[in-house]
C-alpha atoms as a PDB file:
ATOM      1  CA  MET A   1      44.491 114.945 -45.812  1.00  0.00           C
ATOM      2  CA  ALA A   2      44.118 118.757 -46.370  1.00  0.00           C
ATOM      3  CA  LYS A   3      40.533 119.972 -46.416  1.00  0.00           C
ATOM      4  CA  LEU A   4      38.200 122.736 -46.790  1.00  0.00           C
ATOM      5  CA  HIS A   5      36.556 123.018 -44.319  1.00  0.00           C
ATOM      6  CA  PHE A   6      33.379 125.735 -43.717  1.00  0.00           C
ATOM      7  CA  TYR A   7      32.095 126.851 -40.238  1.00  0.00           C
ATOM      8  CA  TYR A   8      29.216 128.700 -39.962  1.00  0.00           C
ATOM      9  CA  SER A   9      26.713 130.129 -37.471  1.00  0.00           C
ATOM     10  CA  ALA A  10      24.354 132.982 -36.703  1.00  0.00           C
ATOM     11  CA  MET A  11      25.419 136.051 -35.453  1.00  0.00           C
ATOM     12  CA  ASN A  12      27.807 136.089 -32.346  1.00  0.00           C
ATOM     13  CA  ALA A  13      27.737 132.394 -32.079  1.00  0.00           C
ATOM     14  CA  GLY A  14      31.348 132.501 -31.416  1.00  0.00           C
ATOM     15  CA  LYS A  15      32.830 131.958 -34.646  1.00  0.00           C
ATOM     16  CA  THR A  16      36.020 134.215 -34.288  1.00  0.00           C
ATOM     17  CA  THR A  17      36.694 132.975 -30.915  1.00  0.00           C
ATOM     18  CA  THR A  18      36.783 129.261 -32.433  1.00  0.00           C
ATOM     19  CA  LEU A  19      39.072 130.639 -35.264  1.00  0.00           C
ATOM     20  CA  LEU A  20      41.330 132.446 -32.950  1.00  0.00           C
ATOM     21  CA  GLN A  21      41.959 128.620 -30.700  1.00  0.00           C
ATOM     22  CA  SER A  22      42.338 127.242 -33.749  1.00  0.00           C
ATOM     23  CA  ASN A  23      44.795 129.188 -34.746  1.00  0.00           C
ATOM     24  CA  HIS A  24      46.758 128.915 -31.431  1.00  0.00           C
ATOM     25  CA  ASN A  25      46.570 125.121 -31.542  1.00  0.00           C
ATOM     26  CA  TYR A  26      48.306 125.032 -34.418  1.00  0.00           C
ATOM     27  CA  GLN A  27      51.058 127.530 -33.591  1.00  0.00           C
ATOM     28  CA  GLU A  28      51.443 125.679 -29.858  1.00  0.00           C
ATOM     29  CA  ARG A  29      52.494 122.828 -32.053  1.00  0.00           C
ATOM     30  CA  GLY A  30      55.147 125.082 -33.924  1.00  0.00           C
ATOM     31  CA  MET A  31      53.177 125.120 -36.981  1.00  0.00           C
ATOM     32  CA  ASN A  32      52.721 128.273 -39.379  1.00  0.00           C
ATOM     33  CA  THR A  33      49.372 129.524 -40.210  1.00  0.00           C
ATOM     34  CA  LEU A  34      48.167 132.211 -42.447  1.00  0.00           C
ATOM     35  CA  LEU A  35      44.867 134.410 -41.075  1.00  0.00           C
ATOM     36  CA  PHE A  36      43.262 136.521 -43.275  1.00  0.00           C
ATOM     37  CA  ILE A  37      40.025 138.934 -42.828  1.00  0.00           C
ATOM     38  CA  PRO A  38      37.750 141.220 -45.167  1.00  0.00           C
ATOM     39  CA  SER A  39      39.540 144.596 -45.594  1.00  0.00           C
ATOM     40  CA  ILE A  40      36.055 146.123 -44.979  1.00  0.00           C
ATOM     41  CA  ASP A  41      35.832 145.337 -41.219  1.00  0.00           C
ATOM     42  CA  THR A  42      37.608 147.719 -39.314  1.00  0.00           C
ATOM     43  CA  ARG A  43      35.447 147.677 -36.500  1.00  0.00           C
ATOM     44  CA  HIS A  44      38.483 147.127 -34.497  1.00  0.00           C
ATOM     45  CA  ALA A  45      41.469 148.145 -36.538  1.00  0.00           C
ATOM     46  CA  LEU A  46      42.279 147.221 -40.181  1.00  0.00           C
ATOM     47  CA  GLY A  47      44.103 143.543 -40.341  1.00  0.00           C
ATOM     48  CA  VAL A  48      43.087 142.461 -36.712  1.00  0.00           C
ATOM     49  CA  ILE A  49      40.899 139.555 -35.965  1.00  0.00           C
ATOM     50  CA  SER A  50      38.920 140.231 -32.575  1.00  0.00           C
ATOM     51  CA  SER A  51      36.462 138.020 -30.874  1.00  0.00           C
ATOM     52  CA  ARG A  52      33.633 139.580 -28.092  1.00  0.00           C
ATOM     53  CA  ILE A  53      35.834 137.834 -25.562  1.00  0.00           C
ATOM     54  CA  GLY A  54      38.941 140.128 -26.329  1.00  0.00           C
ATOM     55  CA  LEU A  55      41.112 137.347 -27.958  1.00  0.00           C
ATOM     56  CA  THR A  56      42.939 139.022 -31.085  1.00  0.00           C
ATOM     57  CA  ALA A  57      45.251 138.497 -33.758  1.00  0.00           C
ATOM     58  CA  GLU A  58      46.828 140.136 -36.475  1.00  0.00           C
ATOM     59  CA  ALA A  59      45.681 139.049 -39.770  1.00  0.00           C
ATOM     60  CA  LEU A  60      46.385 140.034 -43.967  1.00  0.00           C
ATOM     61  CA  PRO A  61      43.146 142.008 -45.125  1.00  0.00           C
ATOM     62  CA  PHE A  62      41.805 141.155 -48.299  1.00  0.00           C
ATOM     63  CA  LYS A  63      39.788 142.538 -51.129  1.00  0.00           C
ATOM     64  CA  PRO A  64      37.381 140.942 -53.868  1.00  0.00           C
ATOM     65  CA  SER A  65      40.563 141.108 -56.051  1.00  0.00           C
ATOM     66  CA  PHE A  66      42.882 139.257 -53.576  1.00  0.00           C
ATOM     67  CA  ASN A  67      44.003 135.960 -55.144  1.00  0.00           C
ATOM     68  CA  PHE A  68      44.451 133.436 -52.202  1.00  0.00           C
ATOM     69  CA  PHE A  69      46.065 130.744 -54.016  1.00  0.00           C
ATOM     70  CA  GLU A  70      48.675 133.031 -55.917  1.00  0.00           C
ATOM     71  CA  TYR A  71      49.625 134.602 -52.614  1.00  0.00           C
ATOM     72  CA  ALA A  72      49.806 131.114 -50.744  1.00  0.00           C
ATOM     73  CA  LYS A  73      52.053 129.832 -53.399  1.00  0.00           C
ATOM     74  CA  GLU A  74      54.164 132.652 -53.798  1.00  0.00           C
ATOM     75  CA  TYR A  75      54.464 132.556 -49.238  1.00  0.00           C
ATOM     76  CA  ILE A  76      55.139 128.965 -49.682  1.00  0.00           C
ATOM     77  CA  SER A  77      58.098 129.338 -51.775  1.00  0.00           C
ATOM     78  CA  GLN A  78      59.967 130.839 -48.953  1.00  0.00           C
ATOM     79  CA  ASN A  79      57.961 129.933 -45.729  1.00  0.00           C
ATOM     80  CA  ARG A  80      56.476 127.079 -44.209  1.00  0.00           C
ATOM     81  CA  LEU A  81      52.912 126.705 -43.895  1.00  0.00           C
ATOM     82  CA  ASN A  82      50.529 124.241 -42.031  1.00  0.00           C
ATOM     83  CA  CYS A  83      47.017 126.031 -42.456  1.00  0.00           C
ATOM     84  CA  VAL A  84      45.302 129.040 -43.561  1.00  0.00           C
ATOM     85  CA  LEU A  85      42.184 130.634 -41.683  1.00  0.00           C
ATOM     86  CA  VAL A  86      39.777 132.678 -43.228  1.00  0.00           C
ATOM     87  CA  ASP A  87      37.751 134.942 -41.139  1.00  0.00           C
ATOM     88  CA  GLU A  88      33.913 136.582 -42.247  1.00  0.00           C
ATOM     89  CA  ALA A  89      34.356 133.702 -45.333  1.00  0.00           C
ATOM     90  CA  GLN A  90      31.234 135.115 -46.489  1.00  0.00           C
ATOM     91  CA  PHE A  91      32.329 138.031 -48.067  1.00  0.00           C
ATOM     92  CA  LEU A  92      34.783 135.964 -50.352  1.00  0.00           C
ATOM     93  CA  THR A  93      33.681 135.847 -53.844  1.00  0.00           C
ATOM     94  CA  LYS A  94      32.697 132.710 -56.032  1.00  0.00           C
ATOM     95  CA  ALA A  95      36.586 132.930 -57.499  1.00  0.00           C
ATOM     96  CA  GLN A  96      37.894 133.292 -53.969  1.00  0.00           C
ATOM     97  CA  VAL A  97      36.580 129.979 -52.716  1.00  0.00           C
ATOM     98  CA  ILE A  98      37.463 128.498 -55.981  1.00  0.00           C
ATOM     99  CA  GLU A  99      40.864 129.728 -54.837  1.00  0.00           C
ATOM    100  CA  LEU A 100      40.880 128.025 -51.687  1.00  0.00           C
ATOM    101  CA  THR A 101      40.159 124.703 -52.942  1.00  0.00           C
ATOM    102  CA  ARG A 102      43.050 125.016 -55.013  1.00  0.00           C
ATOM    103  CA  ILE A 103      45.039 125.668 -51.860  1.00  0.00           C
ATOM    104  CA  VAL A 104      43.865 122.299 -50.757  1.00  0.00           C
ATOM    105  CA  ASP A 105      44.468 120.537 -53.588  1.00  0.00           C
ATOM    106  CA  GLU A 106      47.435 121.497 -55.284  1.00  0.00           C
ATOM    107  CA  LEU A 107      48.963 123.220 -52.288  1.00  0.00           C
ATOM    108  CA  LYS A 108      48.326 119.960 -49.946  1.00  0.00           C
ATOM    109  CA  ILE A 109      47.401 122.722 -47.050  1.00  0.00           C
ATOM    110  CA  PRO A 110      44.261 122.707 -44.839  1.00  0.00           C
ATOM    111  CA  VAL A 111      41.722 126.010 -45.279  1.00  0.00           C
ATOM    112  CA  LEU A 112      39.447 126.562 -42.083  1.00  0.00           C
ATOM    113  CA  ALA A 113      36.381 129.305 -43.040  1.00  0.00           C
ATOM    114  CA  TYR A 114      34.708 130.765 -40.666  1.00  0.00           C
ATOM    115  CA  GLY A 115      31.257 133.021 -41.575  1.00  0.00           C
ATOM    116  CA  LEU A 116      27.859 133.587 -41.470  1.00  0.00           C
ATOM    117  CA  ARG A 117      25.325 131.839 -43.598  1.00  0.00           C
ATOM    118  CA  SER A 118      22.884 134.393 -45.017  1.00  0.00           C
ATOM    119  CA  ASP A 119      21.994 138.200 -44.426  1.00  0.00           C
ATOM    120  CA  PHE A 120      19.664 140.140 -42.577  1.00  0.00           C
ATOM    121  CA  GLN A 121      17.272 139.560 -45.163  1.00  0.00           C
ATOM    122  CA  ALA A 122      17.639 135.349 -45.292  1.00  0.00           C
ATOM    123  CA  GLU A 123      19.670 135.733 -48.662  1.00  0.00           C
ATOM    124  CA  PRO A 124      22.991 133.653 -48.705  1.00  0.00           C
ATOM    125  CA  PHE A 125      26.214 135.214 -49.308  1.00  0.00           C
ATOM    126  CA  GLU A 126      28.175 134.734 -52.016  1.00  0.00           C
ATOM    127  CA  GLY A 127      31.170 133.246 -50.086  1.00  0.00           C
ATOM    128  CA  SER A 128      28.741 130.952 -47.783  1.00  0.00           C
ATOM    129  CA  LEU A 129      26.821 129.823 -50.990  1.00  0.00           C
ATOM    130  CA  TYR A 130      30.123 128.399 -52.818  1.00  0.00           C
ATOM    131  CA  LEU A 131      31.555 127.163 -49.476  1.00  0.00           C
ATOM    132  CA  LEU A 132      28.548 125.179 -48.696  1.00  0.00           C
ATOM    133  CA  THR A 133      28.742 123.829 -52.651  1.00  0.00           C
ATOM    134  CA  TRP A 134      32.493 123.293 -52.312  1.00  0.00           C
ATOM    135  CA  ALA A 135      33.827 122.359 -48.917  1.00  0.00           C
ATOM    136  CA  GLU A 136      34.739 118.795 -48.144  1.00  0.00           C
ATOM    137  CA  SER A 137      33.575 119.467 -44.199  1.00  0.00           C
ATOM    138  CA  ILE A 138      30.751 121.697 -43.444  1.00  0.00           C
ATOM    139  CA  SER A 139      30.016 122.730 -39.537  1.00  0.00           C
ATOM    140  CA  GLU A 140      27.425 124.671 -37.849  1.00  0.00           C
ATOM    141  CA  ILE A 141      28.654 126.319 -34.616  1.00  0.00           C
ATOM    142  CA  LYS A 142      25.542 126.806 -32.588  1.00  0.00           C
ATOM    143  CA  THR A 143      23.719 129.397 -30.824  1.00  0.00           C
ATOM    144  CA  ILE A 144      20.319 130.282 -28.844  1.00  0.00           C
ATOM    145  CA  CYS A 145      17.703 132.497 -29.646  1.00  0.00           C
ATOM    146  CA  HIS A 146      16.409 134.705 -26.836  1.00  0.00           C
ATOM    147  CA  CYS A 147      13.503 132.040 -26.555  1.00  0.00           C
ATOM    148  CA  GLY A 148      15.656 129.481 -26.015  1.00  0.00           C
ATOM    149  CA  ARG A 149      15.813 127.974 -29.094  1.00  0.00           C
ATOM    150  CA  LYS A 150      18.946 127.546 -31.790  1.00  0.00           C
ATOM    151  CA  ALA A 151      19.391 130.849 -33.330  1.00  0.00           C
ATOM    152  CA  THR A 152      19.372 130.153 -37.184  1.00  0.00           C
ATOM    153  CA  MET A 153      19.105 133.627 -38.678  1.00  0.00           C
ATOM    154  CA  ASN A 154      20.768 137.202 -38.285  1.00  0.00           C
ATOM    155  CA  LEU A 155      18.057 140.101 -38.056  1.00  0.00           C
ATOM    156  CA  ARG A 156      19.487 143.475 -38.321  1.00  0.00           C
ATOM    157  CA  MET A 157      17.950 146.175 -35.867  1.00  0.00           C
ATOM    158  CA  ASP A 158      17.732 150.224 -35.755  1.00  0.00           C
ATOM    159  CA  GLU A 159      18.701 152.197 -32.744  1.00  0.00           C
ATOM    160  CA  ASN A 160      15.535 151.300 -31.234  1.00  0.00           C
ATOM    161  CA  GLY A 161      15.804 147.521 -31.480  1.00  0.00           C
ATOM    162  CA  LYS A 162      13.205 147.366 -34.421  1.00  0.00           C
ATOM    163  CA  MET A 163      14.033 145.044 -37.089  1.00  0.00           C
ATOM    164  CA  ILE A 164      15.420 147.016 -40.452  1.00  0.00           C
ATOM    165  CA  LYS A 165      14.147 144.756 -43.712  1.00  0.00           C
ATOM    166  CA  GLU A 166      15.696 146.741 -46.566  1.00  0.00           C
ATOM    167  CA  GLY A 167      19.145 147.533 -47.197  1.00  0.00           C
ATOM    168  CA  ALA A 168      22.499 147.322 -48.423  1.00  0.00           C
ATOM    169  CA  GLN A 169      23.663 143.488 -48.215  1.00  0.00           C
ATOM    170  CA  ILE A 170      26.495 144.409 -46.612  1.00  0.00           C
ATOM    171  CA  GLU A 171      26.918 146.612 -42.988  1.00  0.00           C
ATOM    172  CA  ILE A 172      29.801 145.519 -40.745  1.00  0.00           C
ATOM    173  CA  GLY A 173      28.184 145.836 -37.169  1.00  0.00           C
ATOM    174  CA  GLY A 174      27.884 143.977 -33.820  1.00  0.00           C
ATOM    175  CA  ASN A 175      25.335 143.371 -31.023  1.00  0.00           C
ATOM    176  CA  ASP A 176      24.461 147.128 -31.626  1.00  0.00           C
ATOM    177  CA  LEU A 177      23.143 146.307 -35.380  1.00  0.00           C
ATOM    178  CA  TYR A 178      22.266 142.831 -35.316  1.00  0.00           C
ATOM    179  CA  ILE A 179      21.541 140.121 -33.466  1.00  0.00           C
ATOM    180  CA  ALA A 180      20.599 136.403 -33.519  1.00  0.00           C
ATOM    181  CA  LEU A 181      17.218 134.989 -33.881  1.00  0.00           C
ATOM    182  CA  CYS A 182      15.291 131.861 -34.344  1.00  0.00           C
ATOM    183  CA  ARG A 183      13.310 130.999 -37.672  1.00  0.00           C
ATOM    184  CA  LYS A 184      10.139 132.089 -35.957  1.00  0.00           C
ATOM    185  CA  HIS A 185      11.168 135.202 -34.266  1.00  0.00           C
ATOM    186  CA  PHE A 186      13.095 136.315 -37.448  1.00  0.00           C
ATOM    187  CA  MET A 187       9.610 136.040 -39.201  1.00  0.00           C
ATOM    188  CA  SER A 188       8.033 138.298 -36.684  1.00  0.00           C
ATOM    189  CA  GLY A 189      10.755 140.547 -36.053  1.00  0.00           C
ATOM    190  CA  GLU A 190      10.373 140.183 -31.874  1.00  0.00           C
ATOM    191  CA  THR A 191      13.944 141.010 -30.713  1.00  0.00           C
ATOM    192  CA  SER A 192      13.392 140.034 -27.490  1.00  0.00           C
ATOM    193  CA  SER A 193      11.683 138.223 -24.957  1.00  0.00           C
ATOM    194  CA  PRO A 194       8.502 139.806 -23.401  1.00  0.00           C
ATOM    195  CA  GLU A 195      10.592 139.876 -20.016  1.00  0.00           C
ATOM    196  CA  GLU A 196      13.493 141.669 -21.706  1.00  0.00           C
ATOM    197  CA  ALA A 197      11.022 144.141 -23.210  1.00  0.00           C
ATOM    198  CA  LEU A 198       9.065 144.419 -20.171  1.00  0.00           C
ATOM    199  CA  ASN A 199      12.494 145.201 -18.305  1.00  0.00           C
ATOM    200  CA  LYS A 200      13.569 147.870 -20.857  1.00  0.00           C
ATOM    201  CA  ALA A 201      10.041 149.357 -20.538  1.00  0.00           C
ATOM    202  CA  VAL A 202      10.654 149.752 -16.787  1.00  0.00           C
ATOM    203  CA  ASN A 203      14.364 151.326 -17.114  1.00  0.00           C
ATOM    204  CA  GLN A 204      13.238 153.869 -19.475  1.00  0.00           C
ATOM    205  CA  ALA A 205      10.445 155.097 -17.442  1.00  0.00           C
ATOM    206  CA  ALA A 206      12.648 154.817 -14.538  1.00  0.00           C
END
């Protein structure tokens, strides 16, 4: 039975790698998929999903005005469709999350959405909030803080690795801008272990 799945995590936990592996599994079995990525994510190229380990796939870029249900309905009138996969799903609107539920309920097609749960100020993204509410299946993709504890928070950094507390909710970036931390180190703003901080200071002095 088709379901809406939401896979969430902190930054750099391998969400995109997991998405691309799931897509590969479908295609390896001769099934057709549709991949989507927000149009604001142009870190690699418009309409390209790319993981940190080098896996890539073409995807359809979407804006807040994009209607997932109508697109999928039109698509299946001419093509076979076995699964819909959405990367950076935190950027979905509430209306788009409901459109994904209609793909599942009315078109009987599973939807796999991957995204962050919260932003750099520990506030929920709109898409994540409603995916947590509407999805039948919710799974956490785990990663760790520099201290070894599970990382659940996303901290935004400046060029010196210092915590940024204010700014726009959406600022696209990778390891140079964000770090995944446990709650304790997110609250303190400590972005590296004492050993890492010492090594950095030594390297800068050399």
